[in-house]
Protein backbone atom coordinates (compact mmCIF):
# COMPACT_ATOMS: atom_id res chain seq x y z
CA UNK A 1 0.00 0.00 0.00
CA UNK A 2 1.59 3.23 -1.14
CA UNK A 3 1.26 6.70 0.35
CA UNK A 4 -0.85 7.79 -2.64
CA UNK A 5 -3.33 4.97 -1.92
CA UNK A 6 -3.71 6.25 1.65
CA UNK A 7 -4.38 9.80 0.47
CA UNK A 8 -6.85 8.79 -2.24
CA UNK A 9 -10.29 9.40 -0.81
CA UNK A 10 -12.76 7.54 -2.97
CA UNK A 11 -16.33 7.18 -1.82
CA UNK A 12 -19.39 6.46 -3.90
CA UNK A 13 -22.63 8.41 -4.23
CA UNK A 14 -24.39 6.38 -1.54
CA UNK A 15 -21.39 6.93 0.72
CA UNK A 16 -21.61 10.68 0.17
CA UNK A 17 -25.27 10.61 1.14
CA UNK A 18 -24.49 8.55 4.25
CA UNK A 19 -21.66 10.89 5.24
CA UNK A 20 -23.93 13.91 4.88
CA UNK A 21 -26.69 12.31 6.94
CA UNK A 22 -24.22 11.29 9.65
CA UNK A 23 -22.84 14.83 9.72
CA UNK A 24 -26.27 16.34 10.25
CA UNK A 25 -27.40 13.81 12.86
CA UNK A 26 -24.17 13.85 14.87
CA UNK A 27 -23.90 17.64 14.92
CA UNK A 28 -27.53 18.05 15.96
CA UNK A 29 -27.10 15.40 18.65
CA UNK A 30 -23.90 16.97 19.97
CA UNK A 31 -25.58 20.40 20.02
CA UNK A 32 -28.53 19.09 22.02
CA UNK A 33 -26.31 17.15 24.44
CA UNK A 34 -23.93 20.07 24.92
CA UNK A 35 -26.84 22.43 25.57
CA UNK A 36 -28.36 20.10 28.17
CA UNK A 37 -25.01 19.51 29.90
CA UNK A 38 -24.07 23.20 29.80
CA UNK A 39 -27.48 24.30 31.04
CA UNK A 40 -27.56 21.78 33.88
CA UNK A 41 -24.06 22.73 35.02
CA UNK A 42 -24.61 26.46 34.33
CA UNK A 43 -21.33 26.67 32.46
CA UNK A 44 -20.74 28.03 28.99
CA UNK A 45 -17.21 26.63 29.05
CA UNK A 46 -18.44 23.06 29.59
CA UNK A 47 -21.03 23.57 26.84
CA UNK A 48 -18.28 24.53 24.39
CA UNK A 49 -16.03 21.65 25.51
CA UNK A 50 -18.81 19.09 25.02
CA UNK A 51 -19.74 20.55 21.64
CA UNK A 52 -16.09 20.56 20.55
CA UNK A 53 -15.83 16.90 21.55
CA UNK A 54 -18.95 16.17 19.45
CA UNK A 55 -17.45 18.09 16.54
CA UNK A 56 -14.22 16.07 16.80
CA UNK A 57 -16.21 12.83 16.94
CA UNK A 58 -18.20 13.87 13.87
CA UNK A 59 -15.04 14.77 11.99
CA UNK A 60 -13.42 11.44 12.84
CA UNK A 61 -16.50 9.56 11.61
CA UNK A 62 -17.11 11.55 8.41
CA UNK A 63 -13.77 12.79 7.04
CA UNK A 64 -11.73 9.56 6.59
CA UNK A 65 -12.74 7.37 3.64
CA UNK A 66 -14.02 4.44 5.70
CA UNK A 67 -14.97 1.28 3.77
CA UNK A 68 -18.64 1.81 4.68
CA UNK A 69 -18.62 4.82 2.32
CA UNK A 70 -17.55 2.76 -0.71
CA UNK A 71 -19.93 -0.21 -0.74
CA UNK A 72 -21.50 0.63 -4.13
CA UNK A 73 -18.68 1.92 -6.39
CA UNK A 74 -19.58 3.14 -9.85
CA UNK A 75 -17.46 1.68 -12.66
CA UNK A 76 -15.78 4.20 -14.90
CA UNK A 77 -15.95 3.80 -18.66
CA UNK A 78 -12.49 3.31 -20.11
CA UNK A 79 -11.37 4.78 -23.43
CA UNK A 80 -11.12 1.29 -24.93
CA UNK A 81 -14.76 0.54 -24.13
CA UNK A 82 -15.99 3.71 -25.82
CA UNK A 83 -13.93 2.97 -28.97
CA UNK A 84 -15.42 -0.54 -29.21
CA UNK A 85 -18.97 0.81 -28.97
CA UNK A 86 -18.40 3.37 -31.75
CA UNK A 87 -17.32 0.71 -34.25
C-alpha atoms as a PDB file:
ATOM      1  CA  UNK A   1       0.000   0.000   0.000  1.00  0.00           C
ATOM      2  CA  UNK A   2       1.593   3.231  -1.137  1.00  0.00           C
ATOM      3  CA  UNK A   3       1.259   6.697   0.349  1.00  0.00           C
ATOM      4  CA  UNK A   4      -0.845   7.785  -2.636  1.00  0.00           C
ATOM      5  CA  UNK A   5      -3.328   4.974  -1.916  1.00  0.00           C
ATOM      6  CA  UNK A   6      -3.706   6.247   1.647  1.00  0.00           C
ATOM      7  CA  UNK A   7      -4.384   9.801   0.472  1.00  0.00           C
ATOM      8  CA  UNK A   8      -6.854   8.792  -2.235  1.00  0.00           C
ATOM      9  CA  UNK A   9     -10.294   9.401  -0.811  1.00  0.00           C
ATOM     10  CA  UNK A  10     -12.763   7.540  -2.967  1.00  0.00           C
ATOM     11  CA  UNK A  11     -16.326   7.182  -1.823  1.00  0.00           C
ATOM     12  CA  UNK A  12     -19.389   6.458  -3.900  1.00  0.00           C
ATOM     13  CA  UNK A  13     -22.628   8.410  -4.228  1.00  0.00           C
ATOM     14  CA  UNK A  14     -24.392   6.378  -1.544  1.00  0.00           C
ATOM     15  CA  UNK A  15     -21.390   6.929   0.715  1.00  0.00           C
ATOM     16  CA  UNK A  16     -21.610  10.682   0.174  1.00  0.00           C
ATOM     17  CA  UNK A  17     -25.271  10.609   1.135  1.00  0.00           C
ATOM     18  CA  UNK A  18     -24.494   8.546   4.248  1.00  0.00           C
ATOM     19  CA  UNK A  19     -21.657  10.886   5.245  1.00  0.00           C
ATOM     20  CA  UNK A  20     -23.930  13.914   4.876  1.00  0.00           C
ATOM     21  CA  UNK A  21     -26.690  12.311   6.943  1.00  0.00           C
ATOM     22  CA  UNK A  22     -24.224  11.288   9.646  1.00  0.00           C
ATOM     23  CA  UNK A  23     -22.836  14.828   9.724  1.00  0.00           C
ATOM     24  CA  UNK A  24     -26.273  16.338  10.255  1.00  0.00           C
ATOM     25  CA  UNK A  25     -27.396  13.809  12.861  1.00  0.00           C
ATOM     26  CA  UNK A  26     -24.172  13.847  14.872  1.00  0.00           C
ATOM     27  CA  UNK A  27     -23.896  17.644  14.919  1.00  0.00           C
ATOM     28  CA  UNK A  28     -27.529  18.052  15.964  1.00  0.00           C
ATOM     29  CA  UNK A  29     -27.099  15.398  18.654  1.00  0.00           C
ATOM     30  CA  UNK A  30     -23.899  16.969  19.972  1.00  0.00           C
ATOM     31  CA  UNK A  31     -25.576  20.395  20.018  1.00  0.00           C
ATOM     32  CA  UNK A  32     -28.529  19.090  22.025  1.00  0.00           C
ATOM     33  CA  UNK A  33     -26.307  17.145  24.436  1.00  0.00           C
ATOM     34  CA  UNK A  34     -23.934  20.071  24.919  1.00  0.00           C
ATOM     35  CA  UNK A  35     -26.843  22.431  25.570  1.00  0.00           C
ATOM     36  CA  UNK A  36     -28.356  20.101  28.174  1.00  0.00           C
ATOM     37  CA  UNK A  37     -25.012  19.512  29.901  1.00  0.00           C
ATOM     38  CA  UNK A  38     -24.065  23.196  29.798  1.00  0.00           C
ATOM     39  CA  UNK A  39     -27.478  24.303  31.043  1.00  0.00           C
ATOM     40  CA  UNK A  40     -27.559  21.779  33.878  1.00  0.00           C
ATOM     41  CA  UNK A  41     -24.057  22.735  35.019  1.00  0.00           C
ATOM     42  CA  UNK A  42     -24.611  26.458  34.331  1.00  0.00           C
ATOM     43  CA  UNK A  43     -21.327  26.667  32.460  1.00  0.00           C
ATOM     44  CA  UNK A  44     -20.744  28.031  28.991  1.00  0.00           C
ATOM     45  CA  UNK A  45     -17.215  26.627  29.053  1.00  0.00           C
ATOM     46  CA  UNK A  46     -18.443  23.062  29.589  1.00  0.00           C
ATOM     47  CA  UNK A  47     -21.034  23.571  26.837  1.00  0.00           C
ATOM     48  CA  UNK A  48     -18.280  24.528  24.395  1.00  0.00           C
ATOM     49  CA  UNK A  49     -16.035  21.655  25.509  1.00  0.00           C
ATOM     50  CA  UNK A  50     -18.811  19.088  25.024  1.00  0.00           C
ATOM     51  CA  UNK A  51     -19.744  20.548  21.641  1.00  0.00           C
ATOM     52  CA  UNK A  52     -16.086  20.562  20.548  1.00  0.00           C
ATOM     53  CA  UNK A  53     -15.830  16.896  21.547  1.00  0.00           C
ATOM     54  CA  UNK A  54     -18.946  16.175  19.455  1.00  0.00           C
ATOM     55  CA  UNK A  55     -17.449  18.085  16.539  1.00  0.00           C
ATOM     56  CA  UNK A  56     -14.219  16.071  16.801  1.00  0.00           C
ATOM     57  CA  UNK A  57     -16.210  12.834  16.939  1.00  0.00           C
ATOM     58  CA  UNK A  58     -18.204  13.875  13.870  1.00  0.00           C
ATOM     59  CA  UNK A  59     -15.036  14.768  11.987  1.00  0.00           C
ATOM     60  CA  UNK A  60     -13.416  11.444  12.844  1.00  0.00           C
ATOM     61  CA  UNK A  61     -16.498   9.563  11.605  1.00  0.00           C
ATOM     62  CA  UNK A  62     -17.111  11.549   8.415  1.00  0.00           C
ATOM     63  CA  UNK A  63     -13.773  12.788   7.040  1.00  0.00           C
ATOM     64  CA  UNK A  64     -11.733   9.565   6.591  1.00  0.00           C
ATOM     65  CA  UNK A  65     -12.739   7.374   3.639  1.00  0.00           C
ATOM     66  CA  UNK A  66     -14.017   4.444   5.700  1.00  0.00           C
ATOM     67  CA  UNK A  67     -14.967   1.275   3.774  1.00  0.00           C
ATOM     68  CA  UNK A  68     -18.637   1.807   4.675  1.00  0.00           C
ATOM     69  CA  UNK A  69     -18.623   4.817   2.316  1.00  0.00           C
ATOM     70  CA  UNK A  70     -17.547   2.756  -0.714  1.00  0.00           C
ATOM     71  CA  UNK A  71     -19.926  -0.212  -0.741  1.00  0.00           C
ATOM     72  CA  UNK A  72     -21.496   0.634  -4.130  1.00  0.00           C
ATOM     73  CA  UNK A  73     -18.681   1.924  -6.387  1.00  0.00           C
ATOM     74  CA  UNK A  74     -19.583   3.141  -9.848  1.00  0.00           C
ATOM     75  CA  UNK A  75     -17.459   1.677 -12.658  1.00  0.00           C
ATOM     76  CA  UNK A  76     -15.780   4.196 -14.904  1.00  0.00           C
ATOM     77  CA  UNK A  77     -15.952   3.799 -18.665  1.00  0.00           C
ATOM     78  CA  UNK A  78     -12.485   3.311 -20.111  1.00  0.00           C
ATOM     79  CA  UNK A  79     -11.373   4.775 -23.426  1.00  0.00           C
ATOM     80  CA  UNK A  80     -11.118   1.291 -24.927  1.00  0.00           C
ATOM     81  CA  UNK A  81     -14.763   0.536 -24.126  1.00  0.00           C
ATOM     82  CA  UNK A  82     -15.985   3.707 -25.825  1.00  0.00           C
ATOM     83  CA  UNK A  83     -13.931   2.965 -28.971  1.00  0.00           C
ATOM     84  CA  UNK A  84     -15.423  -0.536 -29.207  1.00  0.00           C
ATOM     85  CA  UNK A  85     -18.970   0.810 -28.965  1.00  0.00           C
ATOM     86  CA  UNK A  86     -18.403   3.369 -31.746  1.00  0.00           C
ATOM     87  CA  UNK A  87     -17.318   0.714 -34.249  1.00  0.00           C
END
